[in-house]
Amino acid sequence: MKIVLLSGCAQIPTQKTMITDRQVEFIHQDRQGDVTIVFENGLTSKLTTWQGVLPLLPDDVNYLVYNRADYGRSEPSDQPRTGKFIVAELRELLAQQQIEPPYLLVGHSLGGLYAQYFARSYADELAGLLLVDSVHPTQMENRGAYENWNFFSRLGFNIFTSSTEKAELFGLTTTGQAVLAKPNPKQLPIIILVAGQDYSRDQAARNHVISKRKDLAKIYPQADWHQVDSGHTMQRQRPDIVADAIIELIEKHRKNAFENNL
């Protein structure tokens, strides 16, 4: 297994391993804990996006951060870039590294949608779900559809994003439909953190994003919904709040596990 150093992530070396005949870059900290936190990055984000959160995690939990196909030093995949295949690849990595459940999923932005797909498909493997300004399953419908973006948003997206990132974005609706077709894991502890600061100059687009943030609470009525004084990348701007939410979910899981064993 090849080891490379990733600067800015508390000097923790990343690792590469082969899954489905391609290399995947990841960091796995095994502290012999009872829970493994699994981080899912947003669109265009790499595993360094969590570098402010990792030092704030408890010492008695494990964690995995990784780069999806064609991000960082992870090689491209020939599979479609929708939640079904992305979650399957994540689960292959977990199995290959012998990382056993329960998992606490933490997903940011589009990674939050992939985390929702995982949670609705394999709820019995999870300790909790944390959505960090997550994409809504219908984010790309109606006003959010690509053809309704303003000219400059489309131009920037086409210039600055890779073919894989484009494929993930345009697979969002397929993933969202698959998420909504699966049952809500009603017994799963969920925290939803939404950004309180707006990040679009287009008023119509901003209103669309705000409405979708609020609607996540309707999709997951069992969730604790919190608005954070932060922009979209709150894991960078307010890593303390993200870490606190993770700790809260761990405590809930442990309390539930204790009560179930009485």
C-alpha atoms as a PDB file:
ATOM      1  CA  MET A   1       0.000   0.000   0.000  1.00  0.00           C
ATOM      2  CA  LYS A   2       1.509   3.341  -1.017  1.00  0.00           C
ATOM      3  CA  ILE A   3       1.736   6.097   1.605  1.00  0.00           C
ATOM      4  CA  VAL A   4       1.778   9.793   0.672  1.00  0.00           C
ATOM      5  CA  LEU A   5       1.766  12.849   2.909  1.00  0.00           C
ATOM      6  CA  LEU A   6      -1.149  15.251   2.816  1.00  0.00           C
ATOM      7  CA  SER A   7      -0.266  18.692   4.139  1.00  0.00           C
ATOM      8  CA  GLY A   8      -2.865  20.613   6.128  1.00  0.00           C
ATOM      9  CA  CYS A   9      -4.652  17.582   7.562  1.00  0.00           C
ATOM     10  CA  ALA A  10      -2.848  17.499  10.908  1.00  0.00           C
ATOM     11  CA  GLN A  11       0.081  15.834   9.073  1.00  0.00           C
ATOM     12  CA  ILE A  12      -1.864  12.582   8.927  1.00  0.00           C
ATOM     13  CA  PRO A  13      -0.601  10.487   6.003  1.00  0.00           C
ATOM     14  CA  THR A  14      -3.118   9.505   3.403  1.00  0.00           C
ATOM     15  CA  GLN A  15      -3.227   5.993   2.045  1.00  0.00           C
ATOM     16  CA  LYS A  16      -4.078   4.516  -1.300  1.00  0.00           C
ATOM     17  CA  THR A  17      -5.734   1.194  -1.879  1.00  0.00           C
ATOM     18  CA  MET A  18      -7.216  -0.618  -4.852  1.00  0.00           C
ATOM     19  CA  ILE A  19     -10.962  -1.075  -5.230  1.00  0.00           C
ATOM     20  CA  THR A  20     -12.496  -2.172  -8.520  1.00  0.00           C
ATOM     21  CA  ASP A  21      -9.098  -1.931 -10.256  1.00  0.00           C
ATOM     22  CA  ARG A  22      -8.508   1.714  -9.337  1.00  0.00           C
ATOM     23  CA  GLN A  23      -6.762   3.510  -6.526  1.00  0.00           C
ATOM     24  CA  VAL A  24      -8.693   5.359  -3.818  1.00  0.00           C
ATOM     25  CA  GLU A  25      -7.093   7.913  -1.476  1.00  0.00           C
ATOM     26  CA  PHE A  26      -8.231   7.906   2.132  1.00  0.00           C
ATOM     27  CA  ILE A  27      -7.351   8.431   5.802  1.00  0.00           C
ATOM     28  CA  HIS A  28      -8.476   5.830   8.307  1.00  0.00           C
ATOM     29  CA  GLN A  29      -7.830   6.446  11.979  1.00  0.00           C
ATOM     30  CA  ASP A  30      -8.568   3.264  13.932  1.00  0.00           C
ATOM     31  CA  ARG A  31      -8.712   4.050  17.638  1.00  0.00           C
ATOM     32  CA  GLN A  32     -10.551   0.860  18.565  1.00  0.00           C
ATOM     33  CA  GLY A  33     -13.677   2.918  19.125  1.00  0.00           C
ATOM     34  CA  ASP A  34     -17.262   1.713  19.071  1.00  0.00           C
ATOM     35  CA  VAL A  35     -18.242   4.024  16.185  1.00  0.00           C
ATOM     36  CA  THR A  36     -16.572   4.993  12.902  1.00  0.00           C
ATOM     37  CA  ILE A  37     -17.329   8.451  11.542  1.00  0.00           C
ATOM     38  CA  VAL A  38     -17.469   8.393   7.736  1.00  0.00           C
ATOM     39  CA  PHE A  39     -17.126  11.736   5.962  1.00  0.00           C
ATOM     40  CA  GLU A  40     -18.569  12.366   2.497  1.00  0.00           C
ATOM     41  CA  ASN A  41     -17.264  15.440   0.680  1.00  0.00           C
ATOM     42  CA  GLY A  42     -19.336  17.868  -1.337  1.00  0.00           C
ATOM     43  CA  LEU A  43     -19.072  18.591  -5.052  1.00  0.00           C
ATOM     44  CA  THR A  44     -15.550  19.829  -5.971  1.00  0.00           C
ATOM     45  CA  SER A  45     -14.353  19.223  -2.360  1.00  0.00           C
ATOM     46  CA  LYS A  46     -11.496  16.962  -1.310  1.00  0.00           C
ATOM     47  CA  LEU A  47     -10.878  15.244   2.000  1.00  0.00           C
ATOM     48  CA  THR A  48      -8.899  18.268   3.254  1.00  0.00           C
ATOM     49  CA  THR A  49     -12.241  20.056   3.644  1.00  0.00           C
ATOM     50  CA  TRP A  50     -12.560  18.345   7.065  1.00  0.00           C
ATOM     51  CA  GLN A  51      -9.102  19.310   8.343  1.00  0.00           C
ATOM     52  CA  GLY A  52     -10.545  21.697  10.940  1.00  0.00           C
ATOM     53  CA  VAL A  53     -13.026  19.122  12.248  1.00  0.00           C
ATOM     54  CA  LEU A  54     -10.734  16.103  12.692  1.00  0.00           C
ATOM     55  CA  PRO A  55      -8.670  17.476  15.615  1.00  0.00           C
ATOM     56  CA  LEU A  56     -11.913  18.237  17.496  1.00  0.00           C
ATOM     57  CA  LEU A  57     -13.197  14.658  17.410  1.00  0.00           C
ATOM     58  CA  PRO A  58     -13.231  12.513  20.567  1.00  0.00           C
ATOM     59  CA  ASP A  59     -10.254  10.226  21.085  1.00  0.00           C
ATOM     60  CA  ASP A  60     -12.452   7.149  21.460  1.00  0.00           C
ATOM     61  CA  VAL A  61     -13.993   7.090  17.959  1.00  0.00           C
ATOM     62  CA  ASN A  62     -12.626   5.975  14.603  1.00  0.00           C
ATOM     63  CA  TYR A  63     -12.958   7.943  11.396  1.00  0.00           C
ATOM     64  CA  LEU A  64     -12.621   7.608   7.644  1.00  0.00           C
ATOM     65  CA  VAL A  65     -12.191  10.469   5.194  1.00  0.00           C
ATOM     66  CA  TYR A  66     -11.670   9.692   1.527  1.00  0.00           C
ATOM     67  CA  ASN A  67     -11.719  11.130  -1.965  1.00  0.00           C
ATOM     68  CA  ARG A  68     -14.353   9.891  -4.360  1.00  0.00           C
ATOM     69  CA  ALA A  69     -13.320   8.750  -7.820  1.00  0.00           C
ATOM     70  CA  ASP A  70     -11.353  11.381  -9.770  1.00  0.00           C
ATOM     71  CA  TYR A  71     -10.850  13.650  -6.733  1.00  0.00           C
ATOM     72  CA  GLY A  72      -7.387  14.286  -5.311  1.00  0.00           C
ATOM     73  CA  ARG A  73      -5.276  11.174  -5.838  1.00  0.00           C
ATOM     74  CA  SER A  74      -8.250   8.849  -6.339  1.00  0.00           C
ATOM     75  CA  GLU A  75      -8.392   7.485  -9.845  1.00  0.00           C
ATOM     76  CA  PRO A  76     -11.486   7.878 -12.075  1.00  0.00           C
ATOM     77  CA  SER A  77     -14.247   5.290 -12.116  1.00  0.00           C
ATOM     78  CA  ASP A  78     -16.021   4.021 -15.194  1.00  0.00           C
ATOM     79  CA  GLN A  79     -19.291   3.691 -13.248  1.00  0.00           C
ATOM     80  CA  PRO A  80     -22.081   6.325 -13.463  1.00  0.00           C
ATOM     81  CA  ARG A  81     -21.662   9.192 -10.986  1.00  0.00           C
ATOM     82  CA  THR A  82     -24.926   8.712  -9.129  1.00  0.00           C
ATOM     83  CA  GLY A  83     -25.590   7.833  -5.501  1.00  0.00           C
ATOM     84  CA  LYS A  84     -26.162   4.149  -6.222  1.00  0.00           C
ATOM     85  CA  PHE A  85     -22.640   3.645  -7.559  1.00  0.00           C
ATOM     86  CA  ILE A  86     -20.872   6.169  -5.334  1.00  0.00           C
ATOM     87  CA  VAL A  87     -22.310   4.553  -2.185  1.00  0.00           C
ATOM     88  CA  ALA A  88     -21.429   1.100  -3.547  1.00  0.00           C
ATOM     89  CA  GLU A  89     -17.825   2.254  -4.017  1.00  0.00           C
ATOM     90  CA  LEU A  90     -17.718   3.662  -0.484  1.00  0.00           C
ATOM     91  CA  ARG A  91     -19.056   0.402   0.908  1.00  0.00           C
ATOM     92  CA  GLU A  92     -16.437  -1.508  -1.073  1.00  0.00           C
ATOM     93  CA  LEU A  93     -13.736   0.654   0.525  1.00  0.00           C
ATOM     94  CA  LEU A  94     -15.189   0.048   4.002  1.00  0.00           C
ATOM     95  CA  ALA A  95     -15.302  -3.705   3.414  1.00  0.00           C
ATOM     96  CA  GLN A  96     -11.825  -3.821   1.896  1.00  0.00           C
ATOM     97  CA  GLN A  97     -10.376  -1.992   4.899  1.00  0.00           C
ATOM     98  CA  GLN A  98     -12.427  -4.172   7.283  1.00  0.00           C
ATOM     99  CA  ILE A  99     -14.128  -1.151   8.814  1.00  0.00           C
ATOM    100  CA  GLU A 100     -17.172  -2.561  10.562  1.00  0.00           C
ATOM    101  CA  PRO A 101     -20.423  -0.733  11.424  1.00  0.00           C
ATOM    102  CA  PRO A 102     -21.883   1.131  13.137  1.00  0.00           C
ATOM    103  CA  TYR A 103     -21.042   4.170  11.029  1.00  0.00           C
ATOM    104  CA  LEU A 104     -21.873   7.773  11.733  1.00  0.00           C
ATOM    105  CA  LEU A 105     -22.281   9.424   8.327  1.00  0.00           C
ATOM    106  CA  VAL A 106     -21.329  13.074   7.872  1.00  0.00           C
ATOM    107  CA  GLY A 107     -22.166  14.507   4.462  1.00  0.00           C
ATOM    108  CA  HIS A 108     -21.618  18.028   3.154  1.00  0.00           C
ATOM    109  CA  SER A 109     -23.558  19.537   0.242  1.00  0.00           C
ATOM    110  CA  LEU A 110     -23.850  16.907  -2.521  1.00  0.00           C
ATOM    111  CA  GLY A 111     -22.093  14.491  -0.176  1.00  0.00           C
ATOM    112  CA  GLY A 112     -25.091  14.955   2.094  1.00  0.00           C
ATOM    113  CA  LEU A 113     -27.319  13.543  -0.616  1.00  0.00           C
ATOM    114  CA  TYR A 114     -25.063  10.514  -0.998  1.00  0.00           C
ATOM    115  CA  ALA A 115     -25.176  10.106   2.791  1.00  0.00           C
ATOM    116  CA  GLN A 116     -28.989  10.183   2.632  1.00  0.00           C
ATOM    117  CA  TYR A 117     -28.916   7.417   0.009  1.00  0.00           C
ATOM    118  CA  PHE A 118     -26.639   5.329   2.241  1.00  0.00           C
ATOM    119  CA  ALA A 119     -28.827   5.973   5.301  1.00  0.00           C
ATOM    120  CA  ARG A 120     -32.055   5.009   3.554  1.00  0.00           C
ATOM    121  CA  SER A 121     -30.458   1.883   2.065  1.00  0.00           C
ATOM    122  CA  TYR A 122     -28.507   0.585   5.084  1.00  0.00           C
ATOM    123  CA  ALA A 123     -30.045   2.223   8.148  1.00  0.00           C
ATOM    124  CA  ASP A 124     -29.307  -0.792  10.337  1.00  0.00           C
ATOM    125  CA  GLU A 125     -25.556  -0.160   9.900  1.00  0.00           C
ATOM    126  CA  LEU A 126     -25.694   3.418  11.137  1.00  0.00           C
ATOM    127  CA  ALA A 127     -25.257   5.165  14.459  1.00  0.00           C
ATOM    128  CA  GLY A 128     -26.453   8.497  13.099  1.00  0.00           C
ATOM    129  CA  LEU A 129     -26.556  10.926  10.193  1.00  0.00           C
ATOM    130  CA  LEU A 130     -25.226  14.488  10.104  1.00  0.00           C
ATOM    131  CA  LEU A 131     -26.163  16.631   7.106  1.00  0.00           C
ATOM    132  CA  VAL A 132     -23.929  19.698   6.711  1.00  0.00           C
ATOM    133  CA  ASP A 133     -25.781  22.189   4.474  1.00  0.00           C
ATOM    134  CA  SER A 134     -26.849  19.194   2.444  1.00  0.00           C
ATOM    135  CA  VAL A 135     -28.256  19.157  -1.041  1.00  0.00           C
ATOM    136  CA  HIS A 136     -32.003  18.477  -1.139  1.00  0.00           C
ATOM    137  CA  PRO A 137     -33.172  15.468  -3.217  1.00  0.00           C
ATOM    138  CA  THR A 138     -35.064  17.830  -5.559  1.00  0.00           C
ATOM    139  CA  GLN A 139     -32.414  20.579  -5.573  1.00  0.00           C
ATOM    140  CA  MET A 140     -31.977  20.473  -9.367  1.00  0.00           C
ATOM    141  CA  GLU A 141     -35.664  20.590 -10.205  1.00  0.00           C
ATOM    142  CA  ASN A 142     -37.723  23.633 -11.258  1.00  0.00           C
ATOM    143  CA  ARG A 143     -35.828  26.831 -10.347  1.00  0.00           C
ATOM    144  CA  GLY A 144     -32.745  24.826  -9.473  1.00  0.00           C
ATOM    145  CA  ALA A 145     -32.502  23.179 -12.911  1.00  0.00           C
ATOM    146  CA  TYR A 146     -29.308  23.901 -14.809  1.00  0.00           C
ATOM    147  CA  GLU A 147     -31.167  25.617 -17.647  1.00  0.00           C
ATOM    148  CA  ASN A 148     -32.552  28.115 -15.135  1.00  0.00           C
ATOM    149  CA  TRP A 149     -29.154  29.144 -13.793  1.00  0.00           C
ATOM    150  CA  ASN A 150     -27.994  32.592 -14.780  1.00  0.00           C
ATOM    151  CA  PHE A 151     -25.389  32.958 -17.518  1.00  0.00           C
ATOM    152  CA  PHE A 152     -22.434  33.573 -15.208  1.00  0.00           C
ATOM    153  CA  SER A 153     -23.221  30.583 -12.981  1.00  0.00           C
ATOM    154  CA  ARG A 154     -23.348  28.273 -15.994  1.00  0.00           C
ATOM    155  CA  LEU A 155     -20.175  29.802 -17.437  1.00  0.00           C
ATOM    156  CA  GLY A 156     -18.220  29.392 -14.205  1.00  0.00           C
ATOM    157  CA  PHE A 157     -19.437  25.848 -13.736  1.00  0.00           C
ATOM    158  CA  ASN A 158     -18.447  24.851 -17.259  1.00  0.00           C
ATOM    159  CA  ILE A 159     -15.000  26.430 -17.015  1.00  0.00           C
ATOM    160  CA  PHE A 160     -13.922  25.423 -13.534  1.00  0.00           C
ATOM    161  CA  THR A 161     -15.385  21.952 -12.980  1.00  0.00           C
ATOM    162  CA  SER A 162     -14.094  18.603 -14.187  1.00  0.00           C
ATOM    163  CA  SER A 163     -16.025  16.103 -16.263  1.00  0.00           C
ATOM    164  CA  THR A 164     -16.541  13.940 -13.157  1.00  0.00           C
ATOM    165  CA  GLU A 165     -17.905  16.896 -11.178  1.00  0.00           C
ATOM    166  CA  LYS A 166     -20.283  17.703 -14.027  1.00  0.00           C
ATOM    167  CA  ALA A 167     -21.408  14.071 -14.127  1.00  0.00           C
ATOM    168  CA  GLU A 168     -22.091  14.130 -10.371  1.00  0.00           C
ATOM    169  CA  LEU A 169     -24.120  17.327 -10.631  1.00  0.00           C
ATOM    170  CA  PHE A 170     -26.164  16.101 -13.573  1.00  0.00           C
ATOM    171  CA  GLY A 171     -26.706  12.789 -11.760  1.00  0.00           C
ATOM    172  CA  LEU A 172     -28.165  14.635  -8.776  1.00  0.00           C
ATOM    173  CA  THR A 173     -31.777  14.308  -9.877  1.00  0.00           C
ATOM    174  CA  THR A 174     -31.417  10.553 -10.437  1.00  0.00           C
ATOM    175  CA  THR A 175     -29.873  10.209  -6.983  1.00  0.00           C
ATOM    176  CA  GLY A 176     -32.550  12.408  -5.424  1.00  0.00           C
ATOM    177  CA  GLN A 177     -35.345  10.346  -6.926  1.00  0.00           C
ATOM    178  CA  ALA A 178     -33.707   7.164  -5.636  1.00  0.00           C
ATOM    179  CA  VAL A 179     -33.426   8.693  -2.159  1.00  0.00           C
ATOM    180  CA  LEU A 180     -37.101   9.644  -2.029  1.00  0.00           C
ATOM    181  CA  ALA A 181     -38.129   6.207  -3.313  1.00  0.00           C
ATOM    182  CA  LYS A 182     -36.589   4.614  -0.217  1.00  0.00           C
ATOM    183  CA  PRO A 183     -38.150   4.800   3.264  1.00  0.00           C
ATOM    184  CA  ASN A 184     -37.104   7.429   5.772  1.00  0.00           C
ATOM    185  CA  PRO A 185     -35.080   5.688   8.537  1.00  0.00           C
ATOM    186  CA  LYS A 186     -37.332   7.084  11.250  1.00  0.00           C
ATOM    187  CA  GLN A 187     -35.442   5.579  14.185  1.00  0.00           C
ATOM    188  CA  LEU A 188     -32.082   6.959  13.054  1.00  0.00           C
ATOM    189  CA  PRO A 189     -30.735   9.974  14.990  1.00  0.00           C
ATOM    190  CA  ILE A 190     -30.257  12.823  12.507  1.00  0.00           C
ATOM    191  CA  ILE A 191     -28.949  16.359  12.827  1.00  0.00           C
ATOM    192  CA  ILE A 192     -29.352  18.836   9.982  1.00  0.00           C
ATOM    193  CA  LEU A 193     -27.091  21.904   9.952  1.00  0.00           C
ATOM    194  CA  VAL A 194     -28.038  24.589   7.438  1.00  0.00           C
ATOM    195  CA  ALA A 195     -26.094  27.708   6.520  1.00  0.00           C
ATOM    196  CA  GLY A 196     -27.587  30.955   7.733  1.00  0.00           C
ATOM    197  CA  GLN A 197     -25.622  33.023   5.237  1.00  0.00           C
ATOM    198  CA  ASP A 198     -26.630  33.165   1.594  1.00  0.00           C
ATOM    199  CA  TYR A 199     -24.068  32.340  -1.066  1.00  0.00           C
ATOM    200  CA  SER A 200     -25.850  33.308  -4.294  1.00  0.00           C
ATOM    201  CA  ARG A 201     -26.107  36.798  -5.760  1.00  0.00           C
ATOM    202  CA  ASP A 202     -29.149  35.762  -7.759  1.00  0.00           C
ATOM    203  CA  GLN A 203     -32.253  36.468  -5.667  1.00  0.00           C
ATOM    204  CA  ALA A 204     -34.370  33.743  -7.284  1.00  0.00           C
ATOM    205  CA  ALA A 205     -31.592  31.177  -6.846  1.00  0.00           C
ATOM    206  CA  ARG A 206     -31.071  32.305  -3.251  1.00  0.00           C
ATOM    207  CA  ASN A 207     -34.771  31.898  -2.463  1.00  0.00           C
ATOM    208  CA  HIS A 208     -34.718  28.434  -4.004  1.00  0.00           C
ATOM    209  CA  VAL A 209     -31.767  27.365  -1.847  1.00  0.00           C
ATOM    210  CA  ILE A 210     -33.375  28.766   1.310  1.00  0.00           C
ATOM    211  CA  SER A 211     -36.634  26.938   0.647  1.00  0.00           C
ATOM    212  CA  LYS A 212     -34.789  23.652   0.057  1.00  0.00           C
ATOM    213  CA  ARG A 213     -32.838  24.053   3.286  1.00  0.00           C
ATOM    214  CA  LYS A 214     -36.094  24.395   5.214  1.00  0.00           C
ATOM    215  CA  ASP A 215     -37.754  21.522   3.381  1.00  0.00           C
ATOM    216  CA  LEU A 216     -35.132  19.025   4.568  1.00  0.00           C
ATOM    217  CA  ALA A 217     -36.755  19.293   7.996  1.00  0.00           C
ATOM    218  CA  LYS A 218     -40.029  18.079   6.445  1.00  0.00           C
ATOM    219  CA  ILE A 219     -38.329  15.111   4.799  1.00  0.00           C
ATOM    220  CA  TYR A 220     -36.768  14.100   8.115  1.00  0.00           C
ATOM    221  CA  PRO A 221     -39.237  15.133  10.841  1.00  0.00           C
ATOM    222  CA  GLN A 222     -37.261  13.166  13.441  1.00  0.00           C
ATOM    223  CA  ALA A 223     -34.172  15.335  12.829  1.00  0.00           C
ATOM    224  CA  ASP A 224     -32.833  18.191  14.926  1.00  0.00           C
ATOM    225  CA  TRP A 225     -32.615  21.131  12.495  1.00  0.00           C
ATOM    226  CA  HIS A 226     -30.187  23.972  13.264  1.00  0.00           C
ATOM    227  CA  GLN A 227     -29.376  27.128  11.360  1.00  0.00           C
ATOM    228  CA  VAL A 228     -25.705  28.098  11.664  1.00  0.00           C
ATOM    229  CA  ASP A 229     -24.215  31.571  11.229  1.00  0.00           C
ATOM    230  CA  SER A 230     -21.976  30.391   8.423  1.00  0.00           C
ATOM    231  CA  GLY A 231     -21.702  30.083   4.686  1.00  0.00           C
ATOM    232  CA  HIS A 232     -22.022  26.879   2.723  1.00  0.00           C
ATOM    233  CA  THR A 233     -18.653  25.417   3.775  1.00  0.00           C
ATOM    234  CA  MET A 234     -19.372  25.502   7.502  1.00  0.00           C
ATOM    235  CA  GLN A 235     -16.964  22.610   8.128  1.00  0.00           C
ATOM    236  CA  ARG A 236     -14.229  25.158   7.312  1.00  0.00           C
ATOM    237  CA  GLN A 237     -15.875  28.249   8.804  1.00  0.00           C
ATOM    238  CA  ARG A 238     -17.370  26.641  11.945  1.00  0.00           C
ATOM    239  CA  PRO A 239     -15.667  23.274  12.466  1.00  0.00           C
ATOM    240  CA  ASP A 240     -16.522  23.499  16.164  1.00  0.00           C
ATOM    241  CA  ILE A 241     -20.252  23.349  15.436  1.00  0.00           C
ATOM    242  CA  VAL A 242     -19.821  20.391  13.087  1.00  0.00           C
ATOM    243  CA  ALA A 243     -17.712  18.571  15.694  1.00  0.00           C
ATOM    244  CA  ASP A 244     -20.264  19.338  18.437  1.00  0.00           C
ATOM    245  CA  ALA A 245     -23.043  17.842  16.298  1.00  0.00           C
ATOM    246  CA  ILE A 246     -20.968  14.712  15.723  1.00  0.00           C
ATOM    247  CA  ILE A 247     -20.369  14.359  19.462  1.00  0.00           C
ATOM    248  CA  GLU A 248     -24.089  14.817  20.147  1.00  0.00           C
ATOM    249  CA  LEU A 249     -24.968  12.026  17.717  1.00  0.00           C
ATOM    250  CA  ILE A 250     -22.343   9.726  19.247  1.00  0.00           C
ATOM    251  CA  GLU A 251     -23.801  10.328  22.702  1.00  0.00           C
ATOM    252  CA  LYS A 252     -27.320   9.594  21.430  1.00  0.00           C
ATOM    253  CA  HIS A 253     -26.132   6.366  19.832  1.00  0.00           C
ATOM    254  CA  ARG A 254     -24.388   5.233  22.995  1.00  0.00           C
ATOM    255  CA  LYS A 255     -27.393   6.083  25.133  1.00  0.00           C
ATOM    256  CA  ASN A 256     -29.690   4.130  22.801  1.00  0.00           C
ATOM    257  CA  ALA A 257     -27.294   1.176  22.760  1.00  0.00           C
ATOM    258  CA  PHE A 258     -27.126   1.165  26.565  1.00  0.00           C
ATOM    259  CA  GLU A 259     -30.908   1.309  26.949  1.00  0.00           C
ATOM    260  CA  ASN A 260     -31.408  -1.453  24.388  1.00  0.00           C
ATOM    261  CA  ASN A 261     -29.033  -3.706  26.329  1.00  0.00           C
ATOM    262  CA  LEU A 262     -30.861  -3.285  29.654  1.00  0.00           C
END
